[in-house]
Amino acid sequence: MTGQGIHPNVSALSTGFNLDKNAGRISFNNGQVYSLSGYDLISQQIAESKFFPDSVGPYLLFNQYANQGYMVDEMVRNSLLAKLMLMNPSSPEIKGRFKLVYEGFPMVRIYEVI
């Protein structure tokens, strides 16, 4: 053991960017452009997801309802926190381990561990 941990990469986004959904690129007003490995766009009722398996760039999580977004790495995208918020609560991966107590998607979900 090295005593060193692995830390996730998370970058908060503000306004001033454009998402090319088909090409999987995000461009900022300052001229920076990033290829994305995928995105989840969350609106009031649904989450729109797309993956770009040939890209090793960051993953975009963007809540359109709150106008709040993050560019995250694979560790964050595959975390239990992200799955509990983005996946269907009745999916087999969640349903057998968690009970949805309060549904406030896209802002909050409260689960009970079973």
PDB file of N, CA and C in Angstrom:
ATOM      1  N   MET A   1       0.825  -1.176   0.000  1.00  0.00           N
ATOM      2  CA  MET A   1       0.000   0.000   0.000  1.00  0.00           C
ATOM      3  C   MET A   1       0.875   1.247   0.000  1.00  0.00           C
ATOM      4  N   THR A   2       0.442   2.223  -0.740  1.00  0.00           N
ATOM      5  CA  THR A   2       1.230   3.445  -0.881  1.00  0.00           C
ATOM      6  C   THR A   2       0.754   4.556   0.041  1.00  0.00           C
ATOM      7  N   GLY A   3      -0.451   4.438   0.573  1.00  0.00           N
ATOM      8  CA  GLY A   3      -0.984   5.508   1.401  1.00  0.00           C
ATOM      9  C   GLY A   3      -1.547   6.656   0.591  1.00  0.00           C
ATOM     10  N   GLN A   4      -1.595   6.481  -0.716  1.00  0.00           N
ATOM     11  CA  GLN A   4      -2.143   7.519  -1.589  1.00  0.00           C
ATOM     12  C   GLN A   4      -3.499   7.070  -2.104  1.00  0.00           C
ATOM     13  N   GLY A   5      -4.419   7.998  -2.156  1.00  0.00           N
ATOM     14  CA  GLY A   5      -5.750   7.700  -2.647  1.00  0.00           C
ATOM     15  C   GLY A   5      -5.929   8.135  -4.078  1.00  0.00           C
ATOM     16  N   ILE A   6      -7.024   7.717  -4.633  1.00  0.00           N
ATOM     17  CA  ILE A   6      -7.412   8.141  -5.976  1.00  0.00           C
ATOM     18  C   ILE A   6      -8.521   9.167  -5.816  1.00  0.00           C
ATOM     19  N   HIS A   7      -8.366  10.295  -6.456  1.00  0.00           N
ATOM     20  CA  HIS A   7      -9.329  11.369  -6.304  1.00  0.00           C
ATOM     21  C   HIS A   7     -10.072  11.597  -7.617  1.00  0.00           C
ATOM     22  N   PRO A   8     -11.382  11.756  -7.524  1.00  0.00           N
ATOM     23  CA  PRO A   8     -12.151  12.010  -8.741  1.00  0.00           C
ATOM     24  C   PRO A   8     -11.882  13.407  -9.285  1.00  0.00           C
ATOM     25  N   ASN A   9     -12.101  13.561 -10.568  1.00  0.00           N
ATOM     26  CA  ASN A   9     -11.963  14.866 -11.220  1.00  0.00           C
ATOM     27  C   ASN A   9     -13.348  15.412 -11.527  1.00  0.00           C
ATOM     28  N   VAL A  10     -13.632  16.586 -10.995  1.00  0.00           N
ATOM     29  CA  VAL A  10     -14.917  17.247 -11.186  1.00  0.00           C
ATOM     30  C   VAL A  10     -14.646  18.717 -11.456  1.00  0.00           C
ATOM     31  N   SER A  11     -15.225  19.243 -12.531  1.00  0.00           N
ATOM     32  CA  SER A  11     -15.107  20.668 -12.846  1.00  0.00           C
ATOM     33  C   SER A  11     -16.505  21.239 -13.039  1.00  0.00           C
ATOM     34  N   ALA A  12     -16.859  22.205 -12.226  1.00  0.00           N
ATOM     35  CA  ALA A  12     -18.159  22.853 -12.352  1.00  0.00           C
ATOM     36  C   ALA A  12     -18.193  23.724 -13.600  1.00  0.00           C
ATOM     37  N   LEU A  13     -19.337  23.752 -14.247  1.00  0.00           N
ATOM     38  CA  LEU A  13     -19.514  24.570 -15.450  1.00  0.00           C
ATOM     39  C   LEU A  13     -20.442  25.725 -15.143  1.00  0.00           C
ATOM     40  N   SER A  14     -20.148  26.832 -15.734  1.00  0.00           N
ATOM     41  CA  SER A  14     -21.074  27.956 -15.689  1.00  0.00           C
ATOM     42  C   SER A  14     -21.614  28.134 -17.105  1.00  0.00           C
ATOM     43  N   THR A  15     -22.279  29.205 -17.335  1.00  0.00           N
ATOM     44  CA  THR A  15     -22.784  29.461 -18.674  1.00  0.00           C
ATOM     45  C   THR A  15     -21.621  29.789 -19.592  1.00  0.00           C
ATOM     46  N   GLY A  16     -21.896  29.874 -20.869  1.00  0.00           N
ATOM     47  CA  GLY A  16     -20.854  30.236 -21.818  1.00  0.00           C
ATOM     48  C   GLY A  16     -20.239  29.062 -22.523  1.00  0.00           C
ATOM     49  N   PHE A  17     -21.033  28.053 -22.815  1.00  0.00           N
ATOM     50  CA  PHE A  17     -20.531  26.917 -23.578  1.00  0.00           C
ATOM     51  C   PHE A  17     -21.596  26.441 -24.552  1.00  0.00           C
ATOM     52  N   ASN A  18     -21.139  25.695 -25.535  1.00  0.00           N
ATOM     53  CA  ASN A  18     -22.035  25.134 -26.546  1.00  0.00           C
ATOM     54  C   ASN A  18     -21.751  23.644 -26.651  1.00  0.00           C
ATOM     55  N   LEU A  19     -22.800  22.841 -26.655  1.00  0.00           N
ATOM     56  CA  LEU A  19     -22.661  21.394 -26.751  1.00  0.00           C
ATOM     57  C   LEU A  19     -23.078  20.931 -28.136  1.00  0.00           C
ATOM     58  N   ASP A  20     -22.180  20.263 -28.831  1.00  0.00           N
ATOM     59  CA  ASP A  20     -22.497  19.616 -30.104  1.00  0.00           C
ATOM     60  C   ASP A  20     -22.843  18.175 -29.771  1.00  0.00           C
ATOM     61  N   LYS A  21     -24.149  17.889 -29.668  1.00  0.00           N
ATOM     62  CA  LYS A  21     -24.615  16.567 -29.230  1.00  0.00           C
ATOM     63  C   LYS A  21     -24.203  15.455 -30.179  1.00  0.00           C
ATOM     64  N   ASN A  22     -24.184  15.723 -31.450  1.00  0.00           N
ATOM     65  CA  ASN A  22     -23.862  14.681 -32.423  1.00  0.00           C
ATOM     66  C   ASN A  22     -22.378  14.340 -32.443  1.00  0.00           C
ATOM     67  N   ALA A  23     -21.535  15.353 -32.349  1.00  0.00           N
ATOM     68  CA  ALA A  23     -20.091  15.130 -32.412  1.00  0.00           C
ATOM     69  C   ALA A  23     -19.492  14.828 -31.039  1.00  0.00           C
ATOM     70  N   GLY A  24     -20.233  15.132 -29.976  1.00  0.00           N
ATOM     71  CA  GLY A  24     -19.708  14.903 -28.641  1.00  0.00           C
ATOM     72  C   GLY A  24     -18.607  15.864 -28.269  1.00  0.00           C
ATOM     73  N   ARG A  25     -18.814  17.130 -28.594  1.00  0.00           N
ATOM     74  CA  ARG A  25     -17.826  18.163 -28.273  1.00  0.00           C
ATOM     75  C   ARG A  25     -18.495  19.289 -27.498  1.00  0.00           C
ATOM     76  N   ILE A  26     -17.752  19.826 -26.562  1.00  0.00           N
ATOM     77  CA  ILE A  26     -18.217  20.994 -25.829  1.00  0.00           C
ATOM     78  C   ILE A  26     -17.211  22.110 -26.082  1.00  0.00           C
ATOM     79  N   SER A  27     -17.713  23.271 -26.466  1.00  0.00           N
ATOM     80  CA  SER A  27     -16.835  24.416 -26.729  1.00  0.00           C
ATOM     81  C   SER A  27     -17.249  25.564 -25.815  1.00  0.00           C
ATOM     82  N   PHE A  28     -16.252  26.261 -25.342  1.00  0.00           N
ATOM     83  CA  PHE A  28     -16.470  27.362 -24.420  1.00  0.00           C
ATOM     84  C   PHE A  28     -16.227  28.692 -25.123  1.00  0.00           C
ATOM     85  N   ASN A  29     -16.794  29.743 -24.564  1.00  0.00           N
ATOM     86  CA  ASN A  29     -16.662  31.071 -25.161  1.00  0.00           C
ATOM     87  C   ASN A  29     -15.212  31.547 -25.245  1.00  0.00           C
ATOM     88  N   ASN A  30     -14.327  30.980 -24.408  1.00  0.00           N
ATOM     89  CA  ASN A  30     -12.924  31.382 -24.445  1.00  0.00           C
ATOM     90  C   ASN A  30     -12.138  30.642 -25.529  1.00  0.00           C
ATOM     91  N   GLY A  31     -12.828  29.794 -26.327  1.00  0.00           N
ATOM     92  CA  GLY A  31     -12.188  29.095 -27.436  1.00  0.00           C
ATOM     93  C   GLY A  31     -11.773  27.662 -27.138  1.00  0.00           C
ATOM     94  N   GLN A  32     -11.788  27.249 -25.886  1.00  0.00           N
ATOM     95  CA  GLN A  32     -11.428  25.873 -25.550  1.00  0.00           C
ATOM     96  C   GLN A  32     -12.505  24.904 -26.041  1.00  0.00           C
ATOM     97  N   VAL A  33     -12.048  23.779 -26.590  1.00  0.00           N
ATOM     98  CA  VAL A  33     -12.949  22.735 -27.087  1.00  0.00           C
ATOM     99  C   VAL A  33     -12.487  21.405 -26.516  1.00  0.00           C
ATOM    100  N   TYR A  34     -13.436  20.618 -26.016  1.00  0.00           N
ATOM    101  CA  TYR A  34     -13.129  19.296 -25.471  1.00  0.00           C
ATOM    102  C   TYR A  34     -13.999  18.247 -26.144  1.00  0.00           C
ATOM    103  N   SER A  35     -13.397  17.119 -26.462  1.00  0.00           N
ATOM    104  CA  SER A  35     -14.167  15.960 -26.903  1.00  0.00           C
ATOM    105  C   SER A  35     -14.676  15.263 -25.650  1.00  0.00           C
ATOM    106  N   LEU A  36     -15.926  14.880 -25.667  1.00  0.00           N
ATOM    107  CA  LEU A  36     -16.540  14.234 -24.514  1.00  0.00           C
ATOM    108  C   LEU A  36     -16.600  12.732 -24.697  1.00  0.00           C
ATOM    109  N   SER A  37     -16.522  12.002 -23.594  1.00  0.00           N
ATOM    110  CA  SER A  37     -16.744  10.558 -23.653  1.00  0.00           C
ATOM    111  C   SER A  37     -18.234  10.248 -23.591  1.00  0.00           C
ATOM    112  N   GLY A  38     -19.028  11.263 -23.271  1.00  0.00           N
ATOM    113  CA  GLY A  38     -20.481  11.112 -23.244  1.00  0.00           C
ATOM    114  C   GLY A  38     -21.113  12.245 -22.468  1.00  0.00           C
ATOM    115  N   TYR A  39     -22.442  12.191 -22.375  1.00  0.00           N
ATOM    116  CA  TYR A  39     -23.153  13.212 -21.608  1.00  0.00           C
ATOM    117  C   TYR A  39     -24.476  12.676 -21.088  1.00  0.00           C
ATOM    118  N   ASP A  40     -24.928  13.281 -20.021  1.00  0.00           N
ATOM    119  CA  ASP A  40     -26.284  13.120 -19.496  1.00  0.00           C
ATOM    120  C   ASP A  40     -26.852  14.518 -19.390  1.00  0.00           C
ATOM    121  N   LEU A  41     -27.924  14.768 -20.114  1.00  0.00           N
ATOM    122  CA  LEU A  41     -28.640  16.036 -20.035  1.00  0.00           C
ATOM    123  C   LEU A  41     -29.938  15.763 -19.297  1.00  0.00           C
ATOM    124  N   ILE A  42     -30.099  16.385 -18.171  1.00  0.00           N
ATOM    125  CA  ILE A  42     -31.234  16.101 -17.298  1.00  0.00           C
ATOM    126  C   ILE A  42     -32.218  17.256 -17.389  1.00  0.00           C
ATOM    127  N   SER A  43     -33.460  16.929 -17.719  1.00  0.00           N
ATOM    128  CA  SER A  43     -34.511  17.944 -17.717  1.00  0.00           C
ATOM    129  C   SER A  43     -35.522  17.559 -16.643  1.00  0.00           C
ATOM    130  N   GLN A  44     -36.643  18.221 -16.619  1.00  0.00           N
ATOM    131  CA  GLN A  44     -37.582  18.025 -15.521  1.00  0.00           C
ATOM    132  C   GLN A  44     -38.101  16.587 -15.428  1.00  0.00           C
ATOM    133  N   GLN A  45     -38.250  15.899 -16.527  1.00  0.00           N
ATOM    134  CA  GLN A  45     -38.825  14.559 -16.469  1.00  0.00           C
ATOM    135  C   GLN A  45     -37.904  13.445 -16.946  1.00  0.00           C
ATOM    136  N   ILE A  46     -36.899  13.765 -17.744  1.00  0.00           N
ATOM    137  CA  ILE A  46     -36.085  12.708 -18.360  1.00  0.00           C
ATOM    138  C   ILE A  46     -34.600  13.046 -18.329  1.00  0.00           C
ATOM    139  N   ALA A  47     -33.810  12.038 -18.554  1.00  0.00           N
ATOM    140  CA  ALA A  47     -32.372  12.234 -18.739  1.00  0.00           C
ATOM    141  C   ALA A  47     -32.019  11.711 -20.129  1.00  0.00           C
ATOM    142  N   GLU A  48     -31.391  12.542 -20.928  1.00  0.00           N
ATOM    143  CA  GLU A  48     -30.939  12.159 -22.264  1.00  0.00           C
ATOM    144  C   GLU A  48     -29.463  11.810 -22.173  1.00  0.00           C
ATOM    145  N   SER A  49     -29.125  10.588 -22.557  1.00  0.00           N
ATOM    146  CA  SER A  49     -27.740  10.121 -22.450  1.00  0.00           C
ATOM    147  C   SER A  49     -27.194   9.734 -23.811  1.00  0.00           C
ATOM    148  N   LYS A  50     -25.897   9.972 -23.979  1.00  0.00           N
ATOM    149  CA  LYS A  50     -25.209   9.522 -25.186  1.00  0.00           C
ATOM    150  C   LYS A  50     -23.753   9.259 -24.824  1.00  0.00           C
ATOM    151  N   PHE A  51     -23.212   8.175 -25.363  1.00  0.00           N
ATOM    152  CA  PHE A  51     -21.832   7.795 -25.103  1.00  0.00           C
ATOM    153  C   PHE A  51     -21.033   7.842 -26.394  1.00  0.00           C
ATOM    154  N   PHE A  52     -19.770   8.204 -26.277  1.00  0.00           N
ATOM    155  CA  PHE A  52     -18.844   8.244 -27.402  1.00  0.00           C
ATOM    156  C   PHE A  52     -17.655   7.349 -27.038  1.00  0.00           C
ATOM    157  N   PRO A  53     -17.767   6.051 -27.321  1.00  0.00           N
ATOM    158  CA  PRO A  53     -16.763   5.089 -26.849  1.00  0.00           C
ATOM    159  C   PRO A  53     -15.353   5.312 -27.393  1.00  0.00           C
ATOM    160  N   ASP A  54     -15.212   6.018 -28.488  1.00  0.00           N
ATOM    161  CA  ASP A  54     -13.882   6.257 -29.053  1.00  0.00           C
ATOM    162  C   ASP A  54     -13.181   7.459 -28.423  1.00  0.00           C
ATOM    163  N   SER A  55     -13.862   8.161 -27.541  1.00  0.00           N
ATOM    164  CA  SER A  55     -13.281   9.342 -26.907  1.00  0.00           C
ATOM    165  C   SER A  55     -12.873   9.021 -25.478  1.00  0.00           C
ATOM    166  N   VAL A  56     -11.789   9.615 -25.046  1.00  0.00           N
ATOM    167  CA  VAL A  56     -11.336   9.448 -23.663  1.00  0.00           C
ATOM    168  C   VAL A  56     -11.473  10.764 -22.882  1.00  0.00           C
ATOM    169  N   GLY A  57     -12.276  11.662 -23.389  1.00  0.00           N
ATOM    170  CA  GLY A  57     -12.453  12.961 -22.746  1.00  0.00           C
ATOM    171  C   GLY A  57     -13.353  12.887 -21.538  1.00  0.00           C
ATOM    172  N   PRO A  58     -13.619  14.042 -20.929  1.00  0.00           N
ATOM    173  CA  PRO A  58     -14.485  14.079 -19.749  1.00  0.00           C
ATOM    174  C   PRO A  58     -15.926  13.748 -20.113  1.00  0.00           C
ATOM    175  N   TYR A  59     -16.726  13.502 -19.105  1.00  0.00           N
ATOM    176  CA  TYR A  59     -18.147  13.197 -19.252  1.00  0.00           C
ATOM    177  C   TYR A  59     -18.920  14.404 -18.736  1.00  0.00           C
ATOM    178  N   LEU A  60     -19.954  14.818 -19.463  1.00  0.00           N
ATOM    179  CA  LEU A  60     -20.743  15.982 -19.078  1.00  0.00           C
ATOM    180  C   LEU A  60     -22.015  15.541 -18.368  1.00  0.00           C
ATOM    181  N   LEU A  61     -22.206  16.040 -17.156  1.00  0.00           N
ATOM    182  CA  LEU A  61     -23.468  15.899 -16.428  1.00  0.00           C
ATOM    183  C   LEU A  61     -24.064  17.295 -16.347  1.00  0.00           C
ATOM    184  N   PHE A  62     -25.224  17.497 -16.982  1.00  0.00           N
ATOM    185  CA  PHE A  62     -25.804  18.839 -17.002  1.00  0.00           C
ATOM    186  C   PHE A  62     -27.283  18.781 -16.671  1.00  0.00           C
ATOM    187  N   ASN A  63     -27.667  19.486 -15.611  1.00  0.00           N
ATOM    188  CA  ASN A  63     -29.062  19.595 -15.196  1.00  0.00           C
ATOM    189  C   ASN A  63     -29.628  20.850 -15.838  1.00  0.00           C
ATOM    190  N   GLN A  64     -30.410  20.662 -16.901  1.00  0.00           N
ATOM    191  CA  GLN A  64     -30.977  21.797 -17.630  1.00  0.00           C
ATOM    192  C   GLN A  64     -31.997  22.545 -16.781  1.00  0.00           C
ATOM    193  N   TYR A  65     -32.682  21.834 -15.915  1.00  0.00           N
ATOM    194  CA  TYR A  65     -33.688  22.428 -15.047  1.00  0.00           C
ATOM    195  C   TYR A  65     -33.047  23.444 -14.099  1.00  0.00           C
ATOM    196  N   ALA A  66     -31.878  23.096 -13.546  1.00  0.00           N
ATOM    197  CA  ALA A  66     -31.179  23.971 -12.609  1.00  0.00           C
ATOM    198  C   ALA A  66     -30.113  24.825 -13.288  1.00  0.00           C
ATOM    199  N   ASN A  67     -29.873  24.581 -14.581  1.00  0.00           N
ATOM    200  CA  ASN A  67     -28.809  25.255 -15.326  1.00  0.00           C
ATOM    201  C   ASN A  67     -27.466  25.096 -14.604  1.00  0.00           C
ATOM    202  N   GLN A  68     -27.188  23.838 -14.243  1.00  0.00           N
ATOM    203  CA  GLN A  68     -25.986  23.518 -13.487  1.00  0.00           C
ATOM    204  C   GLN A  68     -25.329  22.291 -14.105  1.00  0.00           C
ATOM    205  N   GLY A  69     -24.014  22.353 -14.285  1.00  0.00           N
ATOM    206  CA  GLY A  69     -23.346  21.233 -14.922  1.00  0.00           C
ATOM    207  C   GLY A  69     -21.955  20.977 -14.393  1.00  0.00           C
ATOM    208  N   TYR A  70     -21.479  19.771 -14.704  1.00  0.00           N
ATOM    209  CA  TYR A  70     -20.147  19.347 -14.284  1.00  0.00           C
ATOM    210  C   TYR A  70     -19.521  18.504 -15.378  1.00  0.00           C
ATOM    211  N   MET A  71     -18.231  18.686 -15.577  1.00  0.00           N
ATOM    212  CA  MET A  71     -17.458  17.764 -16.394  1.00  0.00           C
ATOM    213  C   MET A  71     -16.759  16.858 -15.395  1.00  0.00           C
ATOM    214  N   VAL A  72     -16.967  15.549 -15.555  1.00  0.00           N
ATOM    215  CA  VAL A  72     -16.464  14.588 -14.570  1.00  0.00           C
ATOM    216  C   VAL A  72     -15.685  13.484 -15.264  1.00  0.00           C
ATOM    217  N   ASP A  73     -14.920  12.757 -14.466  1.00  0.00           N
ATOM    218  CA  ASP A  73     -14.193  11.619 -15.013  1.00  0.00           C
ATOM    219  C   ASP A  73     -15.041  10.342 -14.900  1.00  0.00           C
ATOM    220  N   GLU A  74     -14.479   9.249 -15.368  1.00  0.00           N
ATOM    221  CA  GLU A  74     -15.195   7.971 -15.372  1.00  0.00           C
ATOM    222  C   GLU A  74     -15.534   7.508 -13.958  1.00  0.00           C
ATOM    223  N   MET A  75     -14.663   7.808 -13.008  1.00  0.00           N
ATOM    224  CA  MET A  75     -14.895   7.415 -11.623  1.00  0.00           C
ATOM    225  C   MET A  75     -16.183   8.034 -11.076  1.00  0.00           C
ATOM    226  N   VAL A  76     -16.396   9.303 -11.349  1.00  0.00           N
ATOM    227  CA  VAL A  76     -17.602   9.989 -10.884  1.00  0.00           C
ATOM    228  C   VAL A  76     -18.814   9.508 -11.671  1.00  0.00           C
ATOM    229  N   ARG A  77     -18.686   9.404 -12.979  1.00  0.00           N
ATOM    230  CA  ARG A  77     -19.815   8.989 -13.815  1.00  0.00           C
ATOM    231  C   ARG A  77     -20.324   7.609 -13.416  1.00  0.00           C
ATOM    232  N   ASN A  78     -19.425   6.719 -13.009  1.00  0.00           N
ATOM    233  CA  ASN A  78     -19.828   5.363 -12.634  1.00  0.00           C
ATOM    234  C   ASN A  78     -20.063   5.197 -11.140  1.00  0.00           C
ATOM    235  N   SER A  79     -20.075   6.291 -10.401  1.00  0.00           N
ATOM    236  CA  SER A  79     -20.258   6.223  -8.951  1.00  0.00           C
ATOM    237  C   SER A  79     -21.705   5.892  -8.592  1.00  0.00           C
ATOM    238  N   LEU A  80     -21.875   5.377  -7.411  1.00  0.00           N
ATOM    239  CA  LEU A  80     -23.215   5.060  -6.926  1.00  0.00           C
ATOM    240  C   LEU A  80     -24.058   6.321  -6.817  1.00  0.00           C
ATOM    241  N   LEU A  81     -23.452   7.423  -6.436  1.00  0.00           N
ATOM    242  CA  LEU A  81     -24.170   8.687  -6.341  1.00  0.00           C
ATOM    243  C   LEU A  81     -24.806   9.062  -7.681  1.00  0.00           C
ATOM    244  N   ALA A  82     -24.025   8.998  -8.746  1.00  0.00           N
ATOM    245  CA  ALA A  82     -24.552   9.341 -10.071  1.00  0.00           C
ATOM    246  C   ALA A  82     -25.616   8.343 -10.506  1.00  0.00           C
ATOM    247  N   LYS A  83     -25.388   7.075 -10.255  1.00  0.00           N
ATOM    248  CA  LYS A  83     -26.377   6.048 -10.641  1.00  0.00           C
ATOM    249  C   LYS A  83     -27.698   6.250  -9.917  1.00  0.00           C
ATOM    250  N   LEU A  84     -27.645   6.546  -8.625  1.00  0.00           N
ATOM    251  CA  LEU A  84     -28.884   6.743  -7.866  1.00  0.00           C
ATOM    252  C   LEU A  84     -29.671   7.940  -8.374  1.00  0.00           C
ATOM    253  N   MET A  85     -28.995   8.944  -8.882  1.00  0.00           N
ATOM    254  CA  MET A  85     -29.701  10.118  -9.389  1.00  0.00           C
ATOM    255  C   MET A  85     -30.188   9.926 -10.819  1.00  0.00           C
ATOM    256  N   LEU A  86     -29.396   9.239 -11.645  1.00  0.00           N
ATOM    257  CA  LEU A  86     -29.689   9.195 -13.070  1.00  0.00           C
ATOM    258  C   LEU A  86     -30.468   7.962 -13.526  1.00  0.00           C
ATOM    259  N   MET A  87     -30.272   6.842 -12.856  1.00  0.00           N
ATOM    260  CA  MET A  87     -30.921   5.610 -13.304  1.00  0.00           C
ATOM    261  C   MET A  87     -32.368   5.545 -12.822  1.00  0.00           C
ATOM    262  N   ASN A  88     -33.139   4.716 -13.490  1.00  0.00           N
ATOM    263  CA  ASN A  88     -34.511   4.460 -13.084  1.00  0.00           C
ATOM    264  C   ASN A  88     -34.489   3.746 -11.734  1.00  0.00           C
ATOM    265  N   PRO A  89     -35.203   4.281 -10.727  1.00  0.00           N
ATOM    266  CA  PRO A  89     -35.184   3.650  -9.404  1.00  0.00           C
ATOM    267  C   PRO A  89     -35.672   2.199  -9.392  1.00  0.00           C
ATOM    268  N   SER A  90     -36.410   1.784 -10.411  1.00  0.00           N
ATOM    269  CA  SER A  90     -36.886   0.402 -10.461  1.00  0.00           C
ATOM    270  C   SER A  90     -35.951  -0.518 -11.248  1.00  0.00           C
ATOM    271  N   SER A  91     -34.791  -0.007 -11.669  1.00  0.00           N
ATOM    272  CA  SER A  91     -33.840  -0.857 -12.376  1.00  0.00           C
ATOM    273  C   SER A  91     -33.295  -1.909 -11.408  1.00  0.00           C
ATOM    274  N   PRO A  92     -32.962  -3.089 -11.906  1.00  0.00           N
ATOM    275  CA  PRO A  92     -32.489  -4.168 -11.028  1.00  0.00           C
ATOM    276  C   PRO A  92     -31.256  -3.797 -10.202  1.00  0.00           C
ATOM    277  N   GLU A  93     -30.400  -2.961 -10.734  1.00  0.00           N
ATOM    278  CA  GLU A  93     -29.186  -2.558 -10.027  1.00  0.00           C
ATOM    279  C   GLU A  93     -29.493  -1.744  -8.760  1.00  0.00           C
ATOM    280  N   ILE A  94     -30.608  -1.034  -8.779  1.00  0.00           N
ATOM    281  CA  ILE A  94     -30.977  -0.181  -7.648  1.00  0.00           C
ATOM    282  C   ILE A  94     -32.061  -0.820  -6.786  1.00  0.00           C
ATOM    283  N   LYS A  95     -33.072  -1.365  -7.418  1.00  0.00           N
ATOM    284  CA  LYS A  95     -34.264  -1.832  -6.704  1.00  0.00           C
ATOM    285  C   LYS A  95     -33.966  -2.855  -5.609  1.00  0.00           C
ATOM    286  N   GLY A  96     -33.035  -3.731  -5.820  1.00  0.00           N
ATOM    287  CA  GLY A  96     -32.742  -4.755  -4.826  1.00  0.00           C
ATOM    288  C   GLY A  96     -31.968  -4.255  -3.622  1.00  0.00           C
ATOM    289  N   ARG A  97     -31.387  -3.051  -3.706  1.00  0.00           N
ATOM    290  CA  ARG A  97     -30.551  -2.541  -2.615  1.00  0.00           C
ATOM    291  C   ARG A  97     -31.064  -1.253  -1.987  1.00  0.00           C
ATOM    292  N   PHE A  98     -31.912  -0.532  -2.720  1.00  0.00           N
ATOM    293  CA  PHE A  98     -32.400   0.757  -2.239  1.00  0.00           C
ATOM    294  C   PHE A  98     -33.895   0.886  -2.482  1.00  0.00           C
ATOM    295  N   LYS A  99     -34.567   1.567  -1.561  1.00  0.00           N
ATOM    296  CA  LYS A  99     -35.992   1.859  -1.705  1.00  0.00           C
ATOM    297  C   LYS A  99     -36.129   3.368  -1.871  1.00  0.00           C
ATOM    298  N   LEU A 100     -36.796   3.789  -2.930  1.00  0.00           N
ATOM    299  CA  LEU A 100     -36.999   5.217  -3.162  1.00  0.00           C
ATOM    300  C   LEU A 100     -38.024   5.728  -2.158  1.00  0.00           C
ATOM    301  N   VAL A 101     -37.605   6.687  -1.343  1.00  0.00           N
ATOM    302  CA  VAL A 101     -38.468   7.248  -0.307  1.00  0.00           C
ATOM    303  C   VAL A 101     -39.111   8.546  -0.785  1.00  0.00           C
ATOM    304  N   TYR A 102     -38.340   9.355  -1.519  1.00  0.00           N
ATOM    305  CA  TYR A 102     -38.851  10.627  -2.035  1.00  0.00           C
ATOM    306  C   TYR A 102     -38.319  10.841  -3.442  1.00  0.00           C
ATOM    307  N   GLU A 103     -39.223  11.139  -4.351  1.00  0.00           N
ATOM    308  CA  GLU A 103     -38.847  11.397  -5.744  1.00  0.00           C
ATOM    309  C   GLU A 103     -38.985  12.879  -6.035  1.00  0.00           C
ATOM    310  N   GLY A 104     -37.874  13.546  -6.232  1.00  0.00           N
ATOM    311  CA  GLY A 104     -37.871  14.963  -6.575  1.00  0.00           C
ATOM    312  C   GLY A 104     -36.984  15.228  -7.779  1.00  0.00           C
ATOM    313  N   PHE A 105     -36.896  14.231  -8.686  1.00  0.00           N
ATOM    314  CA  PHE A 105     -36.072  14.355  -9.886  1.00  0.00           C
ATOM    315  C   PHE A 105     -36.498  15.585 -10.664  1.00  0.00           C
ATOM    316  N   PRO A 106     -35.627  16.406 -11.148  1.00  0.00           N
ATOM    317  CA  PRO A 106     -34.196  16.221 -11.325  1.00  0.00           C
ATOM    318  C   PRO A 106     -33.337  16.857 -10.239  1.00  0.00           C
ATOM    319  N   MET A 107     -33.923  17.288  -9.138  1.00  0.00           N
ATOM    320  CA  MET A 107     -33.136  17.976  -8.115  1.00  0.00           C
ATOM    321  C   MET A 107     -32.688  17.066  -6.979  1.00  0.00           C
ATOM    322  N   VAL A 108     -33.543  16.147  -6.567  1.00  0.00           N
ATOM    323  CA  VAL A 108     -33.206  15.307  -5.421  1.00  0.00           C
ATOM    324  C   VAL A 108     -33.983  14.000  -5.471  1.00  0.00           C
ATOM    325  N   ARG A 109     -33.343  12.971  -4.978  1.00  0.00           N
ATOM    326  CA  ARG A 109     -33.992  11.692  -4.713  1.00  0.00           C
ATOM    327  C   ARG A 109     -33.492  11.237  -3.353  1.00  0.00           C
ATOM    328  N   ILE A 110     -34.405  10.700  -2.549  1.00  0.00           N
ATOM    329  CA  ILE A 110     -34.017  10.178  -1.241  1.00  0.00           C
ATOM    330  C   ILE A 110     -34.305   8.691  -1.243  1.00  0.00           C
ATOM    331  N   TYR A 111     -33.276   7.911  -0.882  1.00  0.00           N
ATOM    332  CA  TYR A 111     -33.380   6.470  -0.840  1.00  0.00           C
ATOM    333  C   TYR A 111     -33.169   5.960   0.581  1.00  0.00           C
ATOM    334  N   GLU A 112     -33.741   4.788   0.833  1.00  0.00           N
ATOM    335  CA  GLU A 112     -33.477   4.046   2.057  1.00  0.00           C
ATOM    336  C   GLU A 112     -32.676   2.804   1.652  1.00  0.00           C
ATOM    337  N   VAL A 113     -31.627   2.506   2.379  1.00  0.00           N
ATOM    338  CA  VAL A 113     -30.848   1.309   2.112  1.00  0.00           C
ATOM    339  C   VAL A 113     -31.624   0.138   2.690  1.00  0.00           C
ATOM    340  N   ILE A 114     -31.798  -0.909   1.871  1.00  0.00           N
ATOM    341  CA  ILE A 114     -32.530  -2.097   2.368  1.00  0.00           C
ATOM    342  C   ILE A 114     -31.609  -3.303   2.464  1.00  0.00           C
TER     343      ILE A 114
END
